[in-house]
Amino acid sequence: MKTIANRLQKKFEDEILMQLLTAQEVAHQLGYSPSWFYRNRKTLYRNGFPPPLPAMKRWDLEAISDWVRARSSNENTPQSSSASQQALNEL
């Protein structure tokens, strides 16, 4: 029984870690280089980009995906397009 529980726990931990990204992985998800991401982090955070989890210094993939989706949908609405464009121009 303990072996099965250990395997399940390990699988659960592995799945969680797959959802937590390093800075290099975040940059790749955004389509930029790691150096670009490091240079632009503060601007991204000002524009609502999710910060890393404090204890792990990793970013939540789902939170990043939600942020990207929200920005994409905002850019498709006429009243939000100028604000979204301005935020993109800051980067």
PDB file of N, CA and C in Angstrom:
ATOM      1  N   MET A   1       0.817  -1.202   0.000  1.00  0.00           N
ATOM      2  CA  MET A   1       0.000   0.000   0.000  1.00  0.00           C
ATOM      3  C   MET A   1       0.857   1.261   0.000  1.00  0.00           C
ATOM      4  N   LYS A   2       1.892   1.260   0.810  1.00  0.00           N
ATOM      5  CA  LYS A   2       2.736   2.432   0.898  1.00  0.00           C
ATOM      6  C   LYS A   2       3.389   2.742  -0.452  1.00  0.00           C
ATOM      7  N   THR A   3       3.749   1.718  -1.192  1.00  0.00           N
ATOM      8  CA  THR A   3       4.389   1.908  -2.482  1.00  0.00           C
ATOM      9  C   THR A   3       3.439   2.593  -3.456  1.00  0.00           C
ATOM     10  N   ILE A   4       2.190   2.180  -3.480  1.00  0.00           N
ATOM     11  CA  ILE A   4       1.199   2.795  -4.369  1.00  0.00           C
ATOM     12  C   ILE A   4       0.987   4.256  -3.966  1.00  0.00           C
ATOM     13  N   ALA A   5       0.878   4.504  -2.683  1.00  0.00           N
ATOM     14  CA  ALA A   5       0.698   5.875  -2.199  1.00  0.00           C
ATOM     15  C   ALA A   5       1.903   6.733  -2.575  1.00  0.00           C
ATOM     16  N   ASN A   6       3.093   6.187  -2.443  1.00  0.00           N
ATOM     17  CA  ASN A   6       4.306   6.929  -2.810  1.00  0.00           C
ATOM     18  C   ASN A   6       4.326   7.245  -4.297  1.00  0.00           C
ATOM     19  N   ARG A   7       3.938   6.272  -5.121  1.00  0.00           N
ATOM     20  CA  ARG A   7       3.906   6.497  -6.564  1.00  0.00           C
ATOM     21  C   ARG A   7       2.883   7.558  -6.939  1.00  0.00           C
ATOM     22  N   LEU A   8       1.720   7.511  -6.298  1.00  0.00           N
ATOM     23  CA  LEU A   8       0.686   8.512  -6.573  1.00  0.00           C
ATOM     24  C   LEU A   8       1.154   9.906  -6.151  1.00  0.00           C
ATOM     25  N   GLN A   9       1.799   9.981  -4.996  1.00  0.00           N
ATOM     26  CA  GLN A   9       2.316  11.263  -4.516  1.00  0.00           C
ATOM     27  C   GLN A   9       3.365  11.806  -5.479  1.00  0.00           C
ATOM     28  N   LYS A  10       4.259  10.945  -5.927  1.00  0.00           N
ATOM     29  CA  LYS A  10       5.307  11.347  -6.870  1.00  0.00           C
ATOM     30  C   LYS A  10       4.687  11.836  -8.180  1.00  0.00           C
ATOM     31  N   LYS A  11       3.681  11.108  -8.676  1.00  0.00           N
ATOM     32  CA  LYS A  11       3.008  11.500  -9.920  1.00  0.00           C
ATOM     33  C   LYS A  11       2.348  12.868  -9.751  1.00  0.00           C
ATOM     34  N   PHE A  12       1.698  13.074  -8.617  1.00  0.00           N
ATOM     35  CA  PHE A  12       1.046  14.349  -8.328  1.00  0.00           C
ATOM     36  C   PHE A  12       2.075  15.477  -8.298  1.00  0.00           C
ATOM     37  N   GLU A  13       3.192  15.267  -7.626  1.00  0.00           N
ATOM     38  CA  GLU A  13       4.254  16.275  -7.548  1.00  0.00           C
ATOM     39  C   GLU A  13       4.834  16.566  -8.928  1.00  0.00           C
ATOM     40  N   ASP A  14       5.038  15.537  -9.727  1.00  0.00           N
ATOM     41  CA  ASP A  14       5.568  15.726 -11.082  1.00  0.00           C
ATOM     42  C   ASP A  14       4.605  16.545 -11.942  1.00  0.00           C
ATOM     43  N   GLU A  15       3.309  16.283 -11.807  1.00  0.00           N
ATOM     44  CA  GLU A  15       2.315  17.029 -12.585  1.00  0.00           C
ATOM     45  C   GLU A  15       2.291  18.495 -12.179  1.00  0.00           C
ATOM     46  N   ILE A  16       2.437  18.755 -10.894  1.00  0.00           N
ATOM     47  CA  ILE A  16       2.473  20.143 -10.427  1.00  0.00           C
ATOM     48  C   ILE A  16       3.721  20.834 -10.961  1.00  0.00           C
ATOM     49  N   LEU A  17       4.865  20.176 -10.879  1.00  0.00           N
ATOM     50  CA  LEU A  17       6.104  20.778 -11.366  1.00  0.00           C
ATOM     51  C   LEU A  17       6.048  21.059 -12.861  1.00  0.00           C
ATOM     52  N   MET A  18       5.327  20.238 -13.610  1.00  0.00           N
ATOM     53  CA  MET A  18       5.190  20.482 -15.045  1.00  0.00           C
ATOM     54  C   MET A  18       4.408  21.764 -15.305  1.00  0.00           C
ATOM     55  N   GLN A  19       3.597  22.190 -14.345  1.00  0.00           N
ATOM     56  CA  GLN A  19       2.794  23.398 -14.484  1.00  0.00           C
ATOM     57  C   GLN A  19       3.535  24.649 -13.999  1.00  0.00           C
ATOM     58  N   LEU A  20       4.698  24.454 -13.384  1.00  0.00           N
ATOM     59  CA  LEU A  20       5.481  25.574 -12.873  1.00  0.00           C
ATOM     60  C   LEU A  20       6.691  25.777 -13.768  1.00  0.00           C
ATOM     61  N   LEU A  21       6.856  26.994 -14.267  1.00  0.00           N
ATOM     62  CA  LEU A  21       7.865  27.268 -15.284  1.00  0.00           C
ATOM     63  C   LEU A  21       9.032  28.072 -14.736  1.00  0.00           C
ATOM     64  N   THR A  22      10.210  27.804 -15.279  1.00  0.00           N
ATOM     65  CA  THR A  22      11.380  28.632 -15.003  1.00  0.00           C
ATOM     66  C   THR A  22      11.275  29.898 -15.857  1.00  0.00           C
ATOM     67  N   ALA A  23      12.136  30.864 -15.593  1.00  0.00           N
ATOM     68  CA  ALA A  23      12.135  32.100 -16.382  1.00  0.00           C
ATOM     69  C   ALA A  23      12.386  31.798 -17.858  1.00  0.00           C
ATOM     70  N   GLN A  24      13.285  30.871 -18.135  1.00  0.00           N
ATOM     71  CA  GLN A  24      13.571  30.503 -19.525  1.00  0.00           C
ATOM     72  C   GLN A  24      12.334  29.910 -20.195  1.00  0.00           C
ATOM     73  N   GLU A  25      11.594  29.071 -19.470  1.00  0.00           N
ATOM     74  CA  GLU A  25      10.379  28.474 -20.021  1.00  0.00           C
ATOM     75  C   GLU A  25       9.282  29.518 -20.224  1.00  0.00           C
ATOM     76  N   VAL A  26       9.214  30.484 -19.302  1.00  0.00           N
ATOM     77  CA  VAL A  26       8.238  31.574 -19.451  1.00  0.00           C
ATOM     78  C   VAL A  26       8.547  32.365 -20.719  1.00  0.00           C
ATOM     79  N   ALA A  27       9.812  32.701 -20.905  1.00  0.00           N
ATOM     80  CA  ALA A  27      10.216  33.449 -22.096  1.00  0.00           C
ATOM     81  C   ALA A  27       9.820  32.685 -23.356  1.00  0.00           C
ATOM     82  N   HIS A  28      10.065  31.396 -23.359  1.00  0.00           N
ATOM     83  CA  HIS A  28       9.711  30.568 -24.509  1.00  0.00           C
ATOM     84  C   HIS A  28       8.195  30.589 -24.747  1.00  0.00           C
ATOM     85  N   GLN A  29       7.419  30.480 -23.686  1.00  0.00           N
ATOM     86  CA  GLN A  29       5.958  30.515 -23.809  1.00  0.00           C
ATOM     87  C   GLN A  29       5.489  31.837 -24.413  1.00  0.00           C
ATOM     88  N   LEU A  30       6.175  32.922 -24.074  1.00  0.00           N
ATOM     89  CA  LEU A  30       5.799  34.238 -24.582  1.00  0.00           C
ATOM     90  C   LEU A  30       6.366  34.517 -25.966  1.00  0.00           C
ATOM     91  N   GLY A  31       7.299  33.681 -26.391  1.00  0.00           N
ATOM     92  CA  GLY A  31       7.894  33.866 -27.712  1.00  0.00           C
ATOM     93  C   GLY A  31       9.078  34.823 -27.724  1.00  0.00           C
ATOM     94  N   TYR A  32       9.710  34.991 -26.578  1.00  0.00           N
ATOM     95  CA  TYR A  32      10.850  35.895 -26.460  1.00  0.00           C
ATOM     96  C   TYR A  32      12.049  35.157 -25.863  1.00  0.00           C
ATOM     97  N   SER A  33      13.186  35.824 -25.887  1.00  0.00           N
ATOM     98  CA  SER A  33      14.399  35.258 -25.291  1.00  0.00           C
ATOM     99  C   SER A  33      14.361  35.459 -23.774  1.00  0.00           C
ATOM    100  N   PRO A  34      15.110  34.643 -23.038  1.00  0.00           N
ATOM    101  CA  PRO A  34      15.190  34.853 -21.587  1.00  0.00           C
ATOM    102  C   PRO A  34      15.708  36.245 -21.222  1.00  0.00           C
ATOM    103  N   SER A  35      16.660  36.762 -21.985  1.00  0.00           N
ATOM    104  CA  SER A  35      17.182  38.101 -21.662  1.00  0.00           C
ATOM    105  C   SER A  35      16.093  39.165 -21.844  1.00  0.00           C
ATOM    106  N   TRP A  36      15.252  39.016 -22.879  1.00  0.00           N
ATOM    107  CA  TRP A  36      14.136  39.945 -23.072  1.00  0.00           C
ATOM    108  C   TRP A  36      13.200  39.873 -21.871  1.00  0.00           C
ATOM    109  N   PHE A  37      12.885  38.653 -21.437  1.00  0.00           N
ATOM    110  CA  PHE A  37      11.974  38.487 -20.310  1.00  0.00           C
ATOM    111  C   PHE A  37      12.537  39.159 -19.059  1.00  0.00           C
ATOM    112  N   TYR A  38      13.825  38.953 -18.768  1.00  0.00           N
ATOM    113  CA  TYR A  38      14.427  39.576 -17.588  1.00  0.00           C
ATOM    114  C   TYR A  38      14.408  41.103 -17.682  1.00  0.00           C
ATOM    115  N   ARG A  39      14.675  41.633 -18.862  1.00  0.00           N
ATOM    116  CA  ARG A  39      14.678  43.089 -19.040  1.00  0.00           C
ATOM    117  C   ARG A  39      13.279  43.685 -18.895  1.00  0.00           C
ATOM    118  N   ASN A  40      12.260  42.942 -19.261  1.00  0.00           N
ATOM    119  CA  ASN A  40      10.898  43.481 -19.331  1.00  0.00           C
ATOM    120  C   ASN A  40       9.969  42.995 -18.226  1.00  0.00           C
ATOM    121  N   ARG A  41      10.480  42.273 -17.255  1.00  0.00           N
ATOM    122  CA  ARG A  41       9.619  41.727 -16.201  1.00  0.00           C
ATOM    123  C   ARG A  41       8.809  42.793 -15.471  1.00  0.00           C
ATOM    124  N   LYS A  42       9.440  43.881 -15.076  1.00  0.00           N
ATOM    125  CA  LYS A  42       8.719  44.906 -14.312  1.00  0.00           C
ATOM    126  C   LYS A  42       7.563  45.497 -15.118  1.00  0.00           C
ATOM    127  N   THR A  43       7.800  45.730 -16.396  1.00  0.00           N
ATOM    128  CA  THR A  43       6.727  46.240 -17.250  1.00  0.00           C
ATOM    129  C   THR A  43       5.616  45.211 -17.382  1.00  0.00           C
ATOM    130  N   LEU A  44       5.998  43.953 -17.537  1.00  0.00           N
ATOM    131  CA  LEU A  44       4.988  42.889 -17.609  1.00  0.00           C
ATOM    132  C   LEU A  44       4.160  42.854 -16.329  1.00  0.00           C
ATOM    133  N   TYR A  45       4.830  42.934 -15.170  1.00  0.00           N
ATOM    134  CA  TYR A  45       4.108  42.896 -13.894  1.00  0.00           C
ATOM    135  C   TYR A  45       3.164  44.088 -13.769  1.00  0.00           C
ATOM    136  N   ARG A  46       3.598  45.254 -14.214  1.00  0.00           N
ATOM    137  CA  ARG A  46       2.710  46.439 -14.176  1.00  0.00           C
ATOM    138  C   ARG A  46       1.481  46.240 -15.045  1.00  0.00           C
ATOM    139  N   ASN A  47       1.605  45.383 -16.052  1.00  0.00           N
ATOM    140  CA  ASN A  47       0.490  45.105 -16.956  1.00  0.00           C
ATOM    141  C   ASN A  47      -0.274  43.845 -16.562  1.00  0.00           C
ATOM    142  N   GLY A  48      -0.102  43.418 -15.318  1.00  0.00           N
ATOM    143  CA  GLY A  48      -0.894  42.310 -14.804  1.00  0.00           C
ATOM    144  C   GLY A  48      -0.302  40.926 -14.964  1.00  0.00           C
ATOM    145  N   PHE A  49       0.925  40.837 -15.484  1.00  0.00           N
ATOM    146  CA  PHE A  49       1.543  39.522 -15.652  1.00  0.00           C
ATOM    147  C   PHE A  49       1.747  38.891 -14.279  1.00  0.00           C
ATOM    148  N   PRO A  50       1.434  37.593 -14.145  1.00  0.00           N
ATOM    149  CA  PRO A  50       1.550  36.960 -12.828  1.00  0.00           C
ATOM    150  C   PRO A  50       3.003  36.852 -12.366  1.00  0.00           C
ATOM    151  N   PRO A  51       3.263  37.221 -11.115  1.00  0.00           N
ATOM    152  CA  PRO A  51       4.617  37.096 -10.579  1.00  0.00           C
ATOM    153  C   PRO A  51       4.943  35.631 -10.276  1.00  0.00           C
ATOM    154  N   PRO A  52       6.212  35.333 -10.045  1.00  0.00           N
ATOM    155  CA  PRO A  52       6.558  33.955  -9.699  1.00  0.00           C
ATOM    156  C   PRO A  52       6.042  33.605  -8.302  1.00  0.00           C
ATOM    157  N   LEU A  53       5.891  32.322  -8.060  1.00  0.00           N
ATOM    158  CA  LEU A  53       5.515  31.869  -6.726  1.00  0.00           C
ATOM    159  C   LEU A  53       6.726  32.108  -5.819  1.00  0.00           C
ATOM    160  N   PRO A  54       6.547  32.805  -4.713  1.00  0.00           N
ATOM    161  CA  PRO A  54       7.682  33.229  -3.891  1.00  0.00           C
ATOM    162  C   PRO A  54       8.605  32.104  -3.415  1.00  0.00           C
ATOM    163  N   ALA A  55       8.040  31.032  -2.946  1.00  0.00           N
ATOM    164  CA  ALA A  55       8.867  29.968  -2.374  1.00  0.00           C
ATOM    165  C   ALA A  55       9.647  29.194  -3.431  1.00  0.00           C
ATOM    166  N   MET A  56       9.161  29.203  -4.663  1.00  0.00           N
ATOM    167  CA  MET A  56       9.766  28.355  -5.693  1.00  0.00           C
ATOM    168  C   MET A  56      10.478  29.127  -6.791  1.00  0.00           C
ATOM    169  N   LYS A  57      10.211  30.431  -6.886  1.00  0.00           N
ATOM    170  CA  LYS A  57      10.779  31.243  -7.975  1.00  0.00           C
ATOM    171  C   LYS A  57      10.433  30.661  -9.342  1.00  0.00           C
ATOM    172  N   ARG A  58       9.215  30.160  -9.453  1.00  0.00           N
ATOM    173  CA  ARG A  58       8.690  29.633 -10.714  1.00  0.00           C
ATOM    174  C   ARG A  58       7.329  30.250 -10.960  1.00  0.00           C
ATOM    175  N   TRP A  59       6.943  30.269 -12.236  1.00  0.00           N
ATOM    176  CA  TRP A  59       5.689  30.876 -12.651  1.00  0.00           C
ATOM    177  C   TRP A  59       4.655  29.797 -12.955  1.00  0.00           C
ATOM    178  N   ASP A  60       3.417  30.093 -12.644  1.00  0.00           N
ATOM    179  CA  ASP A  60       2.302  29.176 -12.860  1.00  0.00           C
ATOM    180  C   ASP A  60       1.865  29.256 -14.332  1.00  0.00           C
ATOM    181  N   LEU A  61       1.989  28.143 -15.038  1.00  0.00           N
ATOM    182  CA  LEU A  61       1.638  28.086 -16.464  1.00  0.00           C
ATOM    183  C   LEU A  61       0.194  28.503 -16.696  1.00  0.00           C
ATOM    184  N   GLU A  62      -0.708  28.038 -15.864  1.00  0.00           N
ATOM    185  CA  GLU A  62      -2.129  28.374 -16.047  1.00  0.00           C
ATOM    186  C   GLU A  62      -2.377  29.873 -15.884  1.00  0.00           C
ATOM    187  N   ALA A  63      -1.722  30.488 -14.911  1.00  0.00           N
ATOM    188  CA  ALA A  63      -1.883  31.931 -14.701  1.00  0.00           C
ATOM    189  C   ALA A  63      -1.348  32.708 -15.905  1.00  0.00           C
ATOM    190  N   ILE A  64      -0.232  32.261 -16.454  1.00  0.00           N
ATOM    191  CA  ILE A  64       0.330  32.919 -17.637  1.00  0.00           C
ATOM    192  C   ILE A  64      -0.607  32.753 -18.828  1.00  0.00           C
ATOM    193  N   SER A  65      -1.138  31.555 -19.001  1.00  0.00           N
ATOM    194  CA  SER A  65      -2.076  31.305 -20.105  1.00  0.00           C
ATOM    195  C   SER A  65      -3.315  32.183 -19.969  1.00  0.00           C
ATOM    196  N   ASP A  66      -3.828  32.313 -18.752  1.00  0.00           N
ATOM    197  CA  ASP A  66      -4.991  33.175 -18.515  1.00  0.00           C
ATOM    198  C   ASP A  66      -4.666  34.624 -18.860  1.00  0.00           C
ATOM    199  N   TRP A  67      -3.470  35.089 -18.476  1.00  0.00           N
ATOM    200  CA  TRP A  67      -3.053  36.458 -18.763  1.00  0.00           C
ATOM    201  C   TRP A  67      -2.979  36.693 -20.269  1.00  0.00           C
ATOM    202  N   VAL A  68      -2.389  35.753 -20.988  1.00  0.00           N
ATOM    203  CA  VAL A  68      -2.273  35.886 -22.446  1.00  0.00           C
ATOM    204  C   VAL A  68      -3.658  35.899 -23.085  1.00  0.00           C
ATOM    205  N   ARG A  69      -4.533  34.985 -22.646  1.00  0.00           N
ATOM    206  CA  ARG A  69      -5.899  34.936 -23.196  1.00  0.00           C
ATOM    207  C   ARG A  69      -6.643  36.245 -22.927  1.00  0.00           C
ATOM    208  N   ALA A  70      -6.509  36.769 -21.722  1.00  0.00           N
ATOM    209  CA  ALA A  70      -7.199  38.010 -21.372  1.00  0.00           C
ATOM    210  C   ALA A  70      -6.704  39.159 -22.245  1.00  0.00           C
ATOM    211  N   ARG A  71      -5.421  39.225 -22.471  1.00  0.00           N
ATOM    212  CA  ARG A  71      -4.867  40.294 -23.324  1.00  0.00           C
ATOM    213  C   ARG A  71      -5.323  40.104 -24.761  1.00  0.00           C
ATOM    214  N   SER A  72      -5.372  38.872 -25.216  1.00  0.00           N
ATOM    215  CA  SER A  72      -5.811  38.610 -26.590  1.00  0.00           C
ATOM    216  C   SER A  72      -7.268  39.000 -26.773  1.00  0.00           C
ATOM    217  N   SER A  73      -8.115  38.656 -25.812  1.00  0.00           N
ATOM    218  CA  SER A  73      -9.531  38.994 -25.944  1.00  0.00           C
ATOM    219  C   SER A  73      -9.738  40.491 -25.799  1.00  0.00           C
ATOM    220  N   ASN A  74      -8.956  41.164 -24.960  1.00  0.00           N
ATOM    221  CA  ASN A  74      -9.065  42.617 -24.819  1.00  0.00           C
ATOM    222  C   ASN A  74      -8.673  43.326 -26.097  1.00  0.00           C
ATOM    223  N   GLU A  75      -7.705  42.794 -26.800  1.00  0.00           N
ATOM    224  CA  GLU A  75      -7.258  43.425 -28.036  1.00  0.00           C
ATOM    225  C   GLU A  75      -8.307  43.305 -29.132  1.00  0.00           C
ATOM    226  N   ASN A  76      -9.219  42.363 -28.993  1.00  0.00           N
ATOM    227  CA  ASN A  76     -10.249  42.169 -30.007  1.00  0.00           C
ATOM    228  C   ASN A  76     -11.486  43.017 -29.776  1.00  0.00           C
ATOM    229  N   THR A  77     -11.536  43.731 -28.644  1.00  0.00           N
ATOM    230  CA  THR A  77     -12.674  44.598 -28.385  1.00  0.00           C
ATOM    231  C   THR A  77     -12.280  46.033 -28.685  1.00  0.00           C
ATOM    232  N   PRO A  78     -13.106  46.753 -29.435  1.00  0.00           N
ATOM    233  CA  PRO A  78     -12.735  48.105 -29.864  1.00  0.00           C
ATOM    234  C   PRO A  78     -12.399  49.054 -28.719  1.00  0.00           C
ATOM    235  N   GLN A  79     -13.184  49.041 -27.622  1.00  0.00           N
ATOM    236  CA  GLN A  79     -12.934  49.980 -26.544  1.00  0.00           C
ATOM    237  C   GLN A  79     -11.658  49.679 -25.790  1.00  0.00           C
ATOM    238  N   SER A  80     -11.170  48.453 -25.845  1.00  0.00           N
ATOM    239  CA  SER A  80      -9.975  48.092 -25.103  1.00  0.00           C
ATOM    240  C   SER A  80      -8.721  48.099 -25.959  1.00  0.00           C
ATOM    241  N   SER A  81      -8.875  48.203 -27.247  1.00  0.00           N
ATOM    242  CA  SER A  81      -7.718  48.047 -28.116  1.00  0.00           C
ATOM    243  C   SER A  81      -6.668  49.118 -27.883  1.00  0.00           C
ATOM    244  N   SER A  82      -7.067  50.360 -27.605  1.00  0.00           N
ATOM    245  CA  SER A  82      -6.060  51.400 -27.425  1.00  0.00           C
ATOM    246  C   SER A  82      -5.285  51.177 -26.122  1.00  0.00           C
ATOM    247  N   ALA A  83      -5.950  50.755 -25.060  1.00  0.00           N
ATOM    248  CA  ALA A  83      -5.255  50.471 -23.795  1.00  0.00           C
ATOM    249  C   ALA A  83      -4.319  49.289 -23.962  1.00  0.00           C
ATOM    250  N   SER A  84      -4.767  48.256 -24.662  1.00  0.00           N
ATOM    251  CA  SER A  84      -3.917  47.097 -24.882  1.00  0.00           C
ATOM    252  C   SER A  84      -2.729  47.459 -25.752  1.00  0.00           C
ATOM    253  N   GLN A  85      -2.955  48.265 -26.766  1.00  0.00           N
ATOM    254  CA  GLN A  85      -1.868  48.679 -27.640  1.00  0.00           C
ATOM    255  C   GLN A  85      -0.851  49.503 -26.864  1.00  0.00           C
ATOM    256  N   GLN A  86      -1.321  50.363 -25.977  1.00  0.00           N
ATOM    257  CA  GLN A  86      -0.408  51.158 -25.177  1.00  0.00           C
ATOM    258  C   GLN A  86       0.443  50.267 -24.275  1.00  0.00           C
ATOM    259  N   ALA A  87      -0.166  49.256 -23.676  1.00  0.00           N
ATOM    260  CA  ALA A  87       0.583  48.335 -22.827  1.00  0.00           C
ATOM    261  C   ALA A  87       1.627  47.591 -23.640  1.00  0.00           C
ATOM    262  N   LEU A  88       1.274  47.177 -24.840  1.00  0.00           N
ATOM    263  CA  LEU A  88       2.242  46.494 -25.704  1.00  0.00           C
ATOM    264  C   LEU A  88       3.376  47.434 -26.095  1.00  0.00           C
ATOM    265  N   ASN A  89       3.056  48.687 -26.327  1.00  0.00           N
ATOM    266  CA  ASN A  89       4.082  49.642 -26.693  1.00  0.00           C
ATOM    267  C   ASN A  89       5.081  49.879 -25.567  1.00  0.00           C
ATOM    268  N   GLU A  90       4.638  49.735 -24.319  1.00  0.00           N
ATOM    269  CA  GLU A  90       5.532  49.876 -23.175  1.00  0.00           C
ATOM    270  C   GLU A  90       6.601  48.797 -23.170  1.00  0.00           C
ATOM    271  N   LEU A  91       6.255  47.637 -23.740  1.00  0.00           N
ATOM    272  CA  LEU A  91       7.211  46.543 -23.754  1.00  0.00           C
ATOM    273  C   LEU A  91       8.213  46.821 -24.829  1.00  0.00           C
TER     274      LEU A  91
END
